[in-house]
Amino acid sequence: MNFGLLRIAIALGGTAAAAYQDHKTSFIDDRITIGMIAAGFALNLLTFDYSFIAFSIGISLAILGVGFIAYKTGQLGGGDVLLFAGLHALLPVFPLVLFDAVKGFYPTATAQAVSFVAQTNAYPFFFSVFISASLFAMLGSAIQYALVLRGKKLKPDVLPAALVGGGALASIALINSFLGLSLAQAALFSAVFIPGLFLIAFKKQILSQAIIKRIALAEIEDEDVLATEEMPDSLMEKYGLSKVITKRELEKLKKIKANKEMELFPVYKNLPRFGPYILAGLMVSLLTADLFVLLLLF
């Protein structure tokens, strides 16, 4: 017995709670994510399928390991890492329960292809959620920062934009040569690539005018990300500063201020909040198994 509906209910409920909290506060309570991990492990143990149990635990540990590196380098929030681990613990493989209920709304060929992807389990389900969430986050971030830059003089980095744009066009051309993309499919892929191109072309301007803020110590919150590239090299070496501001790093910043070496600190304050995008990615993946495959077959 795999408890498919119960797994989906806990995953959706936990991710929705995490997304709401992240949206409101930029934090995700560990009780939510650790509760999801514990529930997933308990349900996995109740299957008495030892290979399934080993797979679910092994991948969860891998997510935590890779995620810890991403967290320490400021690429991903600690709550996001635990949330992905919880999602994998609850849904180690593609859950067919919900998709089977809605596949009648898909064209027959698409439904068959999505069912095939779901049943083969070529990769863990969380990977599809991560890809979908990343696509949504890229689109949402592009819109968010485009609004911030609206009315300002734009300063694109031409070379990175040209390289990424050329790569995107080459990728679409390659996919078209194998699959023969329709106009609608080409438009959908362009909609995916264009936000990424915008974020790369205006990365420096977005960082300086929308994300990095110089703030006082009192405004710094736990797990804020220090813009180390904006800090003097001498201070970085002297105090051994890290990007993620924990209590230990905050003490170092207090020493810097006490020594009158710096009053305001550059911090990434307007980073996208990934929780809501993870929820969107989960919902789409539950209905499509893999959003990228659906784009190929739409």
Protein backbone atom coordinates (compact mmCIF):
# COMPACT_ATOMS: atom_id res chain seq x y z
CA MET A 1 0.00 0.00 0.00
CA ASN A 2 1.52 3.32 -1.09
CA PHE A 3 -0.98 5.83 0.43
CA GLY A 4 -1.01 7.90 -2.79
CA LEU A 5 -3.82 10.31 -1.93
CA LEU A 6 -2.56 10.85 1.62
CA ARG A 7 0.93 11.60 0.32
CA ILE A 8 -0.43 14.16 -2.16
CA ALA A 9 -2.63 15.77 0.51
CA ILE A 10 0.28 16.18 2.96
CA ALA A 11 2.61 17.43 0.21
CA LEU A 12 0.11 20.01 -1.03
CA GLY A 13 -0.90 21.11 2.47
CA GLY A 14 2.68 21.41 3.72
CA THR A 15 3.92 23.19 0.60
CA ALA A 16 0.96 25.58 0.64
CA ALA A 17 1.67 26.46 4.29
CA ALA A 18 5.38 26.92 3.51
CA ALA A 19 4.61 29.05 0.44
CA TYR A 20 2.26 31.31 2.41
CA GLN A 21 4.78 31.78 5.22
CA ASP A 22 7.62 32.41 2.76
CA HIS A 23 5.54 34.98 0.89
CA LYS A 24 4.61 36.79 4.08
CA THR A 25 7.87 36.62 6.04
CA SER A 26 10.61 35.23 3.72
CA PHE A 27 11.03 32.35 6.19
CA ILE A 28 9.73 28.77 6.24
CA ASP A 29 9.13 27.22 9.67
CA ASP A 30 11.26 24.10 10.13
CA ARG A 31 8.30 22.42 11.82
CA ILE A 32 6.49 22.38 8.48
CA THR A 33 9.35 20.94 6.42
CA ILE A 34 10.67 18.52 9.04
CA GLY A 35 7.09 17.37 9.61
CA MET A 36 6.82 16.64 5.88
CA ILE A 37 10.11 14.70 5.93
CA ALA A 38 9.01 12.70 8.97
CA ALA A 39 5.59 11.93 7.45
CA GLY A 40 7.23 10.83 4.21
CA PHE A 41 9.69 8.54 5.94
CA ALA A 42 6.89 7.02 8.06
CA LEU A 43 4.73 6.31 5.00
CA ASN A 44 7.72 4.87 3.16
CA LEU A 45 8.52 2.53 6.03
CA LEU A 46 4.91 1.31 6.04
CA THR A 47 5.32 0.06 2.46
CA PHE A 48 7.79 -2.59 3.74
CA ASP A 49 9.49 -2.28 0.34
CA TYR A 50 13.15 -2.07 1.29
CA SER A 51 14.45 -0.96 -2.11
CA PHE A 52 11.79 1.77 -2.20
CA ILE A 53 12.72 2.85 1.35
CA ALA A 54 16.45 2.94 0.51
CA PHE A 55 15.75 4.95 -2.65
CA SER A 56 13.60 7.52 -0.85
CA ILE A 57 16.06 7.98 2.02
CA GLY A 58 19.13 8.02 -0.24
CA ILE A 59 17.79 10.72 -2.56
CA SER A 60 16.53 12.78 0.40
CA LEU A 61 20.04 12.71 1.89
CA ALA A 62 21.49 13.70 -1.49
CA ILE A 63 19.06 16.64 -1.70
CA LEU A 64 20.10 17.76 1.77
CA GLY A 65 23.78 17.43 0.89
CA VAL A 66 23.65 19.34 -2.39
CA GLY A 67 21.14 21.76 -0.91
CA PHE A 68 23.45 22.54 2.02
CA ILE A 69 26.14 23.64 -0.44
CA ALA A 70 23.58 25.79 -2.30
CA TYR A 71 22.45 27.25 1.04
CA LYS A 72 25.97 28.09 2.24
CA THR A 73 26.74 29.85 -1.05
CA GLY A 74 23.52 31.86 -0.88
CA GLN A 75 21.92 30.17 -3.89
CA LEU A 76 18.96 28.62 -2.07
CA GLY A 77 17.26 29.21 1.26
CA GLY A 78 17.58 26.61 4.01
CA GLY A 79 13.79 26.30 4.18
CA ASP A 80 13.63 25.64 0.43
CA VAL A 81 16.19 22.83 0.74
CA LEU A 82 14.21 21.17 3.54
CA LEU A 83 11.00 21.62 1.55
CA PHE A 84 12.43 19.78 -1.46
CA ALA A 85 13.67 17.01 0.85
CA GLY A 86 10.18 16.77 2.33
CA LEU A 87 8.58 16.62 -1.10
CA HIS A 88 10.86 13.79 -2.15
CA ALA A 89 10.24 11.90 1.09
CA LEU A 90 6.49 12.15 0.50
CA LEU A 91 6.54 11.67 -3.28
CA PRO A 92 9.65 9.67 -4.25
CA VAL A 93 8.07 8.65 -7.57
CA PHE A 94 5.53 10.23 -9.92
CA PRO A 95 2.10 9.93 -8.24
CA LEU A 96 -0.40 8.78 -10.84
CA VAL A 97 -3.50 9.10 -8.65
CA LEU A 98 -4.32 12.73 -9.48
CA PHE A 99 -3.14 12.58 -13.09
CA ASP A 100 -5.30 9.52 -13.79
CA ALA A 101 -8.31 11.56 -12.69
CA VAL A 102 -7.67 14.39 -15.17
CA LYS A 103 -5.90 12.77 -18.12
CA GLY A 104 -9.20 12.58 -20.01
CA PHE A 105 -8.89 16.34 -20.58
CA TYR A 106 -5.61 15.92 -22.49
CA PRO A 107 -5.31 14.99 -26.17
CA THR A 108 -4.88 11.22 -26.38
CA ALA A 109 -1.27 11.31 -27.61
CA THR A 110 -0.26 13.81 -24.93
CA ALA A 111 -1.98 11.81 -22.16
CA GLN A 112 -0.21 8.65 -23.29
CA ALA A 113 3.18 10.37 -23.40
CA VAL A 114 2.74 11.96 -19.97
CA SER A 115 1.57 8.61 -18.55
CA PHE A 116 4.67 6.98 -20.01
CA VAL A 117 6.95 9.57 -18.36
CA ALA A 118 5.15 9.12 -15.03
CA GLN A 119 5.31 5.33 -15.14
CA THR A 120 8.94 4.98 -16.18
CA ASN A 121 10.19 6.96 -13.16
CA ALA A 122 13.39 7.83 -15.00
CA TYR A 123 14.17 10.45 -12.37
CA PRO A 124 12.77 11.44 -8.96
CA PHE A 125 9.52 13.40 -8.96
CA PHE A 126 11.03 16.33 -7.03
CA PHE A 127 13.27 17.02 -10.03
CA SER A 128 10.22 17.84 -12.16
CA VAL A 129 8.93 20.07 -9.35
CA PHE A 130 12.30 21.84 -9.14
CA ILE A 131 12.45 22.46 -12.90
CA SER A 132 8.87 23.76 -13.04
CA ALA A 133 9.39 25.94 -9.96
CA SER A 134 12.60 27.34 -11.45
CA LEU A 135 10.83 28.22 -14.71
CA PHE A 136 8.04 29.98 -12.81
CA ALA A 137 10.58 31.76 -10.59
CA MET A 138 12.51 32.94 -13.64
CA LEU A 139 9.35 34.36 -15.20
CA GLY A 140 8.13 35.92 -11.95
CA SER A 141 11.54 37.41 -11.16
CA ALA A 142 11.84 38.89 -14.64
CA ILE A 143 8.47 40.60 -14.23
CA GLN A 144 9.30 41.75 -10.68
CA TYR A 145 12.61 43.34 -11.65
CA ALA A 146 11.34 44.71 -14.94
CA LEU A 147 8.80 46.70 -12.93
CA VAL A 148 11.57 47.99 -10.65
CA LEU A 149 13.64 49.11 -13.66
CA ARG A 150 10.67 50.62 -15.46
CA GLY A 151 11.38 54.23 -16.39
CA LYS A 152 15.09 53.94 -15.62
CA LYS A 153 17.89 54.07 -18.14
CA LEU A 154 18.66 50.47 -19.04
CA LYS A 155 22.26 49.27 -19.17
CA PRO A 156 22.39 45.76 -20.66
CA ASP A 157 25.50 43.57 -20.62
CA VAL A 158 25.65 42.94 -24.35
CA LEU A 159 28.14 40.05 -24.46
CA PRO A 160 26.44 37.74 -21.91
CA ALA A 161 23.05 38.55 -23.46
CA ALA A 162 24.34 37.73 -26.95
CA LEU A 163 25.88 34.46 -25.80
CA VAL A 164 22.75 33.33 -23.94
CA GLY A 165 20.44 34.53 -26.72
CA GLY A 166 22.49 32.68 -29.31
CA GLY A 167 22.47 29.55 -27.15
CA ALA A 168 18.71 29.78 -26.70
CA LEU A 169 18.10 30.11 -30.44
CA ALA A 170 20.46 27.20 -31.12
CA SER A 171 18.63 25.07 -28.55
CA ILE A 172 15.23 25.81 -30.09
CA ALA A 173 16.62 25.06 -33.55
CA LEU A 174 18.08 21.76 -32.32
CA ILE A 175 14.82 20.72 -30.68
CA ASN A 176 12.96 21.71 -33.84
CA SER A 177 15.27 19.59 -36.00
CA PHE A 178 14.40 16.51 -33.93
CA LEU A 179 10.74 17.13 -33.14
CA GLY A 180 9.50 19.66 -35.69
CA LEU A 181 8.11 22.27 -33.30
CA SER A 182 4.83 23.92 -34.09
CA LEU A 183 4.47 27.70 -33.97
CA ALA A 184 2.72 27.40 -30.60
CA GLN A 185 5.54 25.26 -29.20
CA ALA A 186 8.20 27.67 -30.47
CA ALA A 187 6.31 30.53 -28.82
CA LEU A 188 6.12 28.63 -25.52
CA PHE A 189 9.85 27.91 -25.54
CA SER A 190 10.55 31.55 -26.37
CA ALA A 191 8.41 32.55 -23.38
CA VAL A 192 10.68 30.38 -21.25
CA PHE A 193 13.96 31.73 -22.66
CA ILE A 194 13.09 35.45 -22.86
CA PRO A 195 12.79 36.04 -19.07
CA GLY A 196 16.13 34.28 -18.56
CA LEU A 197 17.71 36.43 -21.26
CA PHE A 198 16.38 39.58 -19.56
CA LEU A 199 17.75 38.54 -16.15
CA ILE A 200 21.20 37.85 -17.60
CA ALA A 201 21.31 40.95 -19.79
CA PHE A 202 20.47 43.25 -16.87
CA LYS A 203 21.99 41.25 -14.01
CA LYS A 204 24.37 43.99 -12.82
CA GLN A 205 21.69 46.68 -12.96
CA ILE A 206 19.14 44.47 -11.19
CA LEU A 207 21.64 43.71 -8.44
CA SER A 208 22.64 47.33 -7.90
CA GLN A 209 19.22 48.96 -8.24
CA ALA A 210 16.75 46.29 -7.10
CA ILE A 211 18.38 43.67 -4.91
CA ILE A 212 21.43 44.85 -2.98
CA LYS A 213 20.66 47.30 -0.19
CA ARG A 214 23.09 48.88 2.25
CA ILE A 215 21.46 48.57 5.64
CA ALA A 216 22.23 48.96 9.32
CA LEU A 217 22.84 46.00 11.61
CA ALA A 218 19.42 46.38 13.20
CA GLU A 219 17.75 45.71 9.82
CA ILE A 220 19.67 42.50 9.11
CA GLU A 221 17.68 39.31 9.61
CA ASP A 222 18.81 35.76 10.25
CA GLU A 223 19.77 34.00 6.98
CA ASP A 224 19.97 37.22 4.99
CA VAL A 225 22.60 36.95 2.26
CA LEU A 226 25.61 39.25 2.46
CA ALA A 227 26.71 40.73 -0.87
CA THR A 228 30.33 39.70 -0.31
CA GLU A 229 31.37 41.09 -3.69
CA GLU A 230 30.49 44.55 -2.35
CA MET A 231 32.57 44.10 0.81
CA PRO A 232 36.21 45.26 0.98
CA ASP A 233 38.59 42.34 0.46
CA SER A 234 40.50 43.36 3.56
CA LEU A 235 37.43 42.88 5.77
CA MET A 236 36.51 39.60 4.08
CA GLU A 237 39.97 38.20 4.83
CA LYS A 238 40.28 39.70 8.29
CA TYR A 239 36.95 38.36 9.60
CA GLY A 240 36.46 35.32 7.35
CA LEU A 241 32.95 36.41 6.37
CA SER A 242 30.50 34.03 4.70
CA LYS A 243 27.57 34.88 2.46
CA VAL A 244 24.73 33.57 4.64
CA ILE A 245 24.31 35.71 7.74
CA THR A 246 23.89 33.41 10.73
CA LYS A 247 24.28 34.41 14.38
CA ARG A 248 28.00 33.75 14.08
CA GLU A 249 28.35 35.99 11.04
CA LEU A 250 26.24 38.67 12.70
CA GLU A 251 28.71 38.76 15.59
CA LYS A 252 31.50 39.39 13.07
CA LEU A 253 29.53 42.27 11.55
CA LYS A 254 29.04 43.73 15.04
CA LYS A 255 32.81 43.68 15.53
CA ILE A 256 33.30 45.45 12.21
CA LYS A 257 30.87 48.16 13.28
CA ALA A 258 32.40 48.40 16.77
CA ASN A 259 35.80 48.89 15.17
CA LYS A 260 34.27 51.62 13.00
CA GLU A 261 35.32 49.82 9.83
CA MET A 262 31.83 49.89 8.29
CA GLU A 263 28.41 51.24 9.32
CA LEU A 264 26.10 49.98 6.57
CA PHE A 265 26.35 46.49 5.09
CA PRO A 266 25.44 45.34 1.55
CA VAL A 267 22.74 42.67 1.76
CA TYR A 268 20.59 40.92 -0.82
CA LYS A 269 17.21 42.14 0.47
CA ASN A 270 14.86 41.79 -2.51
CA LEU A 271 15.52 38.24 -3.60
CA PRO A 272 12.58 36.26 -5.04
CA ARG A 273 10.75 34.12 -2.49
CA PHE A 274 10.91 30.62 -3.88
CA GLY A 275 8.19 28.99 -1.73
CA PRO A 276 5.19 30.12 -3.84
CA TYR A 277 6.97 28.99 -7.00
CA ILE A 278 7.62 25.57 -5.47
CA LEU A 279 3.89 25.29 -4.76
CA ALA A 280 3.09 26.22 -8.37
CA GLY A 281 5.70 23.73 -9.60
CA LEU A 282 4.22 20.98 -7.44
CA MET A 283 0.67 21.59 -8.65
CA VAL A 284 1.71 21.62 -12.31
CA SER A 285 3.88 18.53 -11.92
CA LEU A 286 1.06 16.61 -10.24
CA LEU A 287 -1.09 17.28 -13.32
CA THR A 288 1.54 16.92 -16.06
CA ALA A 289 4.27 14.68 -14.57
CA ASP A 290 6.81 16.93 -16.31
CA LEU A 291 6.11 20.45 -17.57
CA PHE A 292 9.02 20.34 -20.03
CA VAL A 293 7.66 17.16 -21.65
CA LEU A 294 4.22 18.77 -21.85
CA LEU A 295 5.74 21.78 -23.64
CA LEU A 296 7.29 19.41 -26.17
CA LEU A 297 3.97 17.70 -26.79
CA PHE A 298 1.53 20.62 -26.54
